Amino acid sequence: MEAVTKMVSERPVVIFSKSSCCMSHSIKTLLSDFGVNPAVYELDEMQRGREIEQALLRLGCSPSVPAVFIGGEFVGGANEVMSLHLKRSLIPMLKRVGALWV
């Protein structure tokens, strides 16, 4: 759990993902299209990925991927991020944490 806390504190936007997950791909694409450069951790390609995935589940990330953190706070998975986007809340949130300058 401590490793996850450290990882999410190092960048304005952090995504925990799996390379084979289509929902993770969608969220990474959405944020990239906005011009955000998130830290992306592909759990299925990391040596300690399984351990990190278990920590994410303990933090309430269900399903465990995609798990999106903005400004060090857990925002949610694909549904929550898309809901924020549709409510026009996502871009202001990204600007607030310095992930977007436009």
N, C-alpha and C. Protein backbone atom coordinates (compact mmCIF):
# COMPACT_ATOMS: atom_id res chain seq x y z
N MET A 1 0.83 -1.19 0.00
CA MET A 1 0.00 0.00 0.00
C MET A 1 0.88 1.25 0.00
N GLU A 2 1.97 1.19 0.72
CA GLU A 2 2.91 2.31 0.78
C GLU A 2 3.50 2.61 -0.60
N ALA A 3 3.76 1.55 -1.36
CA ALA A 3 4.32 1.73 -2.71
C ALA A 3 3.33 2.48 -3.60
N VAL A 4 2.05 2.15 -3.50
CA VAL A 4 1.02 2.82 -4.31
C VAL A 4 0.95 4.30 -3.92
N THR A 5 0.95 4.58 -2.64
CA THR A 5 0.89 5.96 -2.16
C THR A 5 2.06 6.78 -2.70
N LYS A 6 3.25 6.20 -2.69
CA LYS A 6 4.43 6.88 -3.21
C LYS A 6 4.30 7.11 -4.72
N MET A 7 3.85 6.09 -5.45
CA MET A 7 3.73 6.19 -6.90
C MET A 7 2.74 7.28 -7.31
N VAL A 8 1.61 7.37 -6.62
CA VAL A 8 0.60 8.36 -7.02
C VAL A 8 0.96 9.77 -6.60
N SER A 9 1.90 9.91 -5.69
CA SER A 9 2.30 11.25 -5.26
C SER A 9 3.36 11.87 -6.17
N GLU A 10 3.93 11.09 -7.06
CA GLU A 10 5.05 11.56 -7.88
C GLU A 10 4.65 12.30 -9.14
N ARG A 11 3.41 12.14 -9.61
CA ARG A 11 2.95 12.80 -10.84
C ARG A 11 1.52 13.28 -10.65
N PRO A 12 1.10 14.32 -11.40
CA PRO A 12 -0.27 14.83 -11.27
C PRO A 12 -1.34 13.81 -11.65
N VAL A 13 -1.05 12.97 -12.64
CA VAL A 13 -2.01 11.96 -13.08
C VAL A 13 -1.30 10.61 -13.18
N VAL A 14 -1.88 9.62 -12.52
CA VAL A 14 -1.31 8.27 -12.51
C VAL A 14 -2.41 7.29 -12.88
N ILE A 15 -2.08 6.37 -13.78
CA ILE A 15 -3.02 5.33 -14.18
C ILE A 15 -2.37 3.97 -13.94
N PHE A 16 -3.07 3.13 -13.20
CA PHE A 16 -2.67 1.74 -13.07
C PHE A 16 -3.50 0.98 -14.07
N SER A 17 -2.84 0.19 -14.90
CA SER A 17 -3.46 -0.40 -16.07
C SER A 17 -2.96 -1.81 -16.27
N LYS A 18 -3.57 -2.49 -17.22
CA LYS A 18 -3.03 -3.75 -17.74
C LYS A 18 -3.00 -3.60 -19.25
N SER A 19 -1.94 -4.06 -19.86
CA SER A 19 -1.76 -3.85 -21.29
C SER A 19 -2.86 -4.50 -22.14
N SER A 20 -3.51 -5.51 -21.59
CA SER A 20 -4.57 -6.21 -22.33
C SER A 20 -5.98 -5.68 -22.06
N CYS A 21 -6.10 -4.67 -21.22
CA CYS A 21 -7.42 -4.17 -20.80
C CYS A 21 -7.90 -3.05 -21.74
N CYS A 22 -9.02 -3.29 -22.41
CA CYS A 22 -9.53 -2.31 -23.37
C CYS A 22 -10.02 -1.05 -22.67
N MET A 23 -10.56 -1.16 -21.46
CA MET A 23 -11.02 0.03 -20.74
C MET A 23 -9.82 0.89 -20.32
N SER A 24 -8.74 0.25 -19.92
CA SER A 24 -7.52 0.99 -19.59
C SER A 24 -7.03 1.74 -20.81
N HIS A 25 -7.04 1.06 -21.95
CA HIS A 25 -6.61 1.69 -23.20
C HIS A 25 -7.48 2.92 -23.51
N SER A 26 -8.77 2.81 -23.32
CA SER A 26 -9.69 3.93 -23.59
C SER A 26 -9.38 5.13 -22.72
N ILE A 27 -9.12 4.90 -21.45
CA ILE A 27 -8.84 6.01 -20.52
C ILE A 27 -7.49 6.64 -20.85
N LYS A 28 -6.49 5.82 -21.16
CA LYS A 28 -5.18 6.36 -21.54
C LYS A 28 -5.30 7.20 -22.80
N THR A 29 -6.08 6.73 -23.76
CA THR A 29 -6.28 7.46 -25.01
C THR A 29 -7.01 8.78 -24.76
N LEU A 30 -8.05 8.75 -23.96
CA LEU A 30 -8.80 9.97 -23.64
C LEU A 30 -7.88 11.04 -23.04
N LEU A 31 -7.11 10.65 -22.03
CA LEU A 31 -6.24 11.62 -21.36
C LEU A 31 -5.12 12.09 -22.30
N SER A 32 -4.58 11.20 -23.09
CA SER A 32 -3.54 11.59 -24.05
C SER A 32 -4.09 12.56 -25.09
N ASP A 33 -5.33 12.33 -25.54
CA ASP A 33 -5.94 13.23 -26.51
C ASP A 33 -6.14 14.63 -25.94
N PHE A 34 -6.30 14.74 -24.63
CA PHE A 34 -6.39 16.05 -23.98
C PHE A 34 -5.03 16.72 -23.90
N GLY A 35 -3.95 15.95 -24.03
CA GLY A 35 -2.61 16.49 -23.88
C GLY A 35 -1.99 16.17 -22.53
N VAL A 36 -2.64 15.31 -21.77
CA VAL A 36 -2.12 14.91 -20.46
C VAL A 36 -1.06 13.83 -20.68
N ASN A 37 0.00 13.89 -19.89
CA ASN A 37 1.06 12.91 -19.96
C ASN A 37 1.10 12.16 -18.62
N PRO A 38 0.19 11.20 -18.44
CA PRO A 38 0.12 10.51 -17.15
C PRO A 38 1.25 9.51 -16.96
N ALA A 39 1.54 9.22 -15.70
CA ALA A 39 2.40 8.08 -15.40
C ALA A 39 1.51 6.85 -15.54
N VAL A 40 1.92 5.91 -16.36
CA VAL A 40 1.12 4.70 -16.59
C VAL A 40 1.93 3.51 -16.09
N TYR A 41 1.32 2.75 -15.20
CA TYR A 41 1.94 1.54 -14.68
C TYR A 41 1.15 0.34 -15.18
N GLU A 42 1.77 -0.42 -16.06
CA GLU A 42 1.14 -1.63 -16.62
C GLU A 42 1.41 -2.78 -15.65
N LEU A 43 0.43 -3.12 -14.85
CA LEU A 43 0.63 -4.09 -13.78
C LEU A 43 1.02 -5.46 -14.29
N ASP A 44 0.55 -5.84 -15.48
CA ASP A 44 0.90 -7.15 -16.01
C ASP A 44 2.32 -7.20 -16.59
N GLU A 45 2.98 -6.06 -16.61
CA GLU A 45 4.36 -6.01 -17.11
C GLU A 45 5.36 -5.65 -16.02
N MET A 46 4.88 -5.50 -14.80
CA MET A 46 5.74 -5.11 -13.68
C MET A 46 6.06 -6.32 -12.80
N GLN A 47 7.26 -6.32 -12.27
CA GLN A 47 7.67 -7.42 -11.41
C GLN A 47 6.77 -7.53 -10.17
N ARG A 48 6.41 -6.40 -9.58
CA ARG A 48 5.57 -6.39 -8.38
C ARG A 48 4.12 -6.03 -8.71
N GLY A 49 3.72 -6.25 -9.95
CA GLY A 49 2.39 -5.86 -10.39
C GLY A 49 1.27 -6.51 -9.61
N ARG A 50 1.41 -7.78 -9.31
CA ARG A 50 0.37 -8.51 -8.56
C ARG A 50 0.19 -7.91 -7.16
N GLU A 51 1.30 -7.59 -6.53
CA GLU A 51 1.28 -6.99 -5.19
C GLU A 51 0.61 -5.61 -5.23
N ILE A 52 0.94 -4.83 -6.24
CA ILE A 52 0.34 -3.50 -6.39
C ILE A 52 -1.16 -3.62 -6.67
N GLU A 53 -1.53 -4.60 -7.47
CA GLU A 53 -2.94 -4.82 -7.77
C GLU A 53 -3.72 -5.15 -6.49
N GLN A 54 -3.15 -5.96 -5.63
CA GLN A 54 -3.80 -6.29 -4.36
C GLN A 54 -3.94 -5.05 -3.47
N ALA A 55 -2.93 -4.19 -3.48
CA ALA A 55 -2.99 -2.95 -2.70
C ALA A 55 -4.09 -2.03 -3.25
N LEU A 56 -4.23 -1.97 -4.56
CA LEU A 56 -5.28 -1.16 -5.18
C LEU A 56 -6.66 -1.67 -4.77
N LEU A 57 -6.83 -2.97 -4.74
CA LEU A 57 -8.11 -3.55 -4.31
C LEU A 57 -8.41 -3.19 -2.86
N ARG A 58 -7.38 -3.21 -2.00
CA ARG A 58 -7.57 -2.83 -0.59
C ARG A 58 -7.93 -1.36 -0.44
N LEU A 59 -7.46 -0.54 -1.40
CA LEU A 59 -7.79 0.89 -1.37
C LEU A 59 -9.20 1.17 -1.89
N GLY A 60 -9.87 0.15 -2.41
CA GLY A 60 -11.22 0.33 -2.91
C GLY A 60 -11.33 0.42 -4.41
N CYS A 61 -10.26 0.16 -5.12
CA CYS A 61 -10.28 0.17 -6.58
C CYS A 61 -10.88 -1.15 -7.05
N SER A 62 -12.11 -1.10 -7.50
CA SER A 62 -12.76 -2.32 -7.94
C SER A 62 -13.57 -2.05 -9.19
N PRO A 63 -13.21 -2.60 -10.33
CA PRO A 63 -12.08 -3.51 -10.55
C PRO A 63 -10.75 -2.77 -10.37
N SER A 64 -9.69 -3.55 -10.30
CA SER A 64 -8.39 -2.95 -9.98
C SER A 64 -7.82 -2.08 -11.09
N VAL A 65 -8.22 -2.32 -12.34
CA VAL A 65 -7.74 -1.48 -13.45
C VAL A 65 -8.90 -1.13 -14.37
N PRO A 66 -8.90 0.01 -15.00
CA PRO A 66 -7.93 1.07 -14.74
C PRO A 66 -8.23 1.74 -13.40
N ALA A 67 -7.19 2.14 -12.72
CA ALA A 67 -7.31 2.92 -11.49
C ALA A 67 -6.64 4.25 -11.76
N VAL A 68 -7.43 5.33 -11.71
CA VAL A 68 -6.94 6.65 -12.08
C VAL A 68 -6.84 7.52 -10.83
N PHE A 69 -5.66 8.10 -10.66
CA PHE A 69 -5.40 9.03 -9.56
C PHE A 69 -5.08 10.39 -10.16
N ILE A 70 -5.74 11.41 -9.67
CA ILE A 70 -5.49 12.78 -10.11
C ILE A 70 -5.17 13.62 -8.88
N GLY A 71 -4.02 14.25 -8.90
CA GLY A 71 -3.59 15.03 -7.74
C GLY A 71 -3.41 14.18 -6.50
N GLY A 72 -3.01 12.94 -6.69
CA GLY A 72 -2.77 12.04 -5.56
C GLY A 72 -4.01 11.40 -4.99
N GLU A 73 -5.17 11.76 -5.51
CA GLU A 73 -6.45 11.22 -5.01
C GLU A 73 -7.02 10.21 -5.98
N PHE A 74 -7.57 9.14 -5.45
CA PHE A 74 -8.20 8.13 -6.29
C PHE A 74 -9.49 8.70 -6.85
N VAL A 75 -9.58 8.75 -8.18
CA VAL A 75 -10.76 9.27 -8.87
C VAL A 75 -11.71 8.13 -9.19
N GLY A 76 -11.16 6.99 -9.60
CA GLY A 76 -11.99 5.86 -9.92
C GLY A 76 -11.47 5.13 -11.14
N GLY A 77 -12.35 4.33 -11.71
CA GLY A 77 -12.02 3.58 -12.90
C GLY A 77 -12.58 4.26 -14.14
N ALA A 78 -12.77 3.48 -15.17
CA ALA A 78 -13.23 4.01 -16.45
C ALA A 78 -14.59 4.69 -16.34
N ASN A 79 -15.53 4.09 -15.63
CA ASN A 79 -16.86 4.68 -15.51
C ASN A 79 -16.82 6.05 -14.85
N GLU A 80 -16.07 6.16 -13.77
CA GLU A 80 -15.98 7.43 -13.04
C GLU A 80 -15.30 8.51 -13.87
N VAL A 81 -14.22 8.14 -14.56
CA VAL A 81 -13.50 9.12 -15.39
C VAL A 81 -14.39 9.59 -16.54
N MET A 82 -15.09 8.67 -17.18
CA MET A 82 -15.98 9.06 -18.27
C MET A 82 -17.14 9.92 -17.76
N SER A 83 -17.66 9.61 -16.59
CA SER A 83 -18.73 10.43 -16.00
C SER A 83 -18.24 11.85 -15.73
N LEU A 84 -17.03 11.97 -15.19
CA LEU A 84 -16.46 13.30 -14.96
C LEU A 84 -16.32 14.05 -16.27
N HIS A 85 -15.89 13.35 -17.30
CA HIS A 85 -15.72 13.98 -18.60
C HIS A 85 -17.07 14.46 -19.16
N LEU A 86 -18.08 13.62 -19.08
CA LEU A 86 -19.41 13.99 -19.59
C LEU A 86 -20.03 15.13 -18.80
N LYS A 87 -19.68 15.24 -17.52
CA LYS A 87 -20.19 16.34 -16.68
C LYS A 87 -19.32 17.60 -16.81
N ARG A 88 -18.32 17.52 -17.69
CA ARG A 88 -17.39 18.63 -17.91
C ARG A 88 -16.59 19.00 -16.65
N SER A 89 -16.33 18.01 -15.84
CA SER A 89 -15.56 18.23 -14.61
C SER A 89 -14.12 17.74 -14.71
N LEU A 90 -13.85 16.89 -15.68
CA LEU A 90 -12.52 16.28 -15.78
C LEU A 90 -11.44 17.29 -16.16
N ILE A 91 -11.68 18.07 -17.19
CA ILE A 91 -10.65 19.02 -17.64
C ILE A 91 -10.32 20.05 -16.56
N PRO A 92 -11.32 20.65 -15.88
CA PRO A 92 -10.97 21.57 -14.78
C PRO A 92 -10.15 20.89 -13.68
N MET A 93 -10.47 19.63 -13.40
CA MET A 93 -9.72 18.88 -12.39
C MET A 93 -8.27 18.69 -12.83
N LEU A 94 -8.08 18.37 -14.11
CA LEU A 94 -6.73 18.19 -14.64
C LEU A 94 -5.95 19.50 -14.63
N LYS A 95 -6.63 20.60 -14.92
CA LYS A 95 -5.97 21.91 -14.88
C LYS A 95 -5.55 22.27 -13.46
N ARG A 96 -6.41 21.97 -12.51
CA ARG A 96 -6.14 22.29 -11.10
C ARG A 96 -4.87 21.63 -10.58
N VAL A 97 -4.59 20.42 -11.05
CA VAL A 97 -3.40 19.72 -10.56
C VAL A 97 -2.17 19.94 -11.43
N GLY A 98 -2.32 20.76 -12.47
CA GLY A 98 -1.18 21.10 -13.32
C GLY A 98 -0.90 20.09 -14.42
N ALA A 99 -1.88 19.23 -14.73
CA ALA A 99 -1.70 18.25 -15.78
C ALA A 99 -2.04 18.82 -17.15
N LEU A 100 -2.76 19.93 -17.18
CA LEU A 100 -3.14 20.63 -18.41
C LEU A 100 -2.91 22.12 -18.22
N TRP A 101 -2.48 22.77 -19.29
CA TRP A 101 -2.23 24.22 -19.20
C TRP A 101 -3.13 25.00 -20.12
N VAL A 102 -3.96 24.33 -20.91
CA VAL A 102 -4.80 25.00 -21.90
C VAL A 102 -6.02 25.62 -21.23
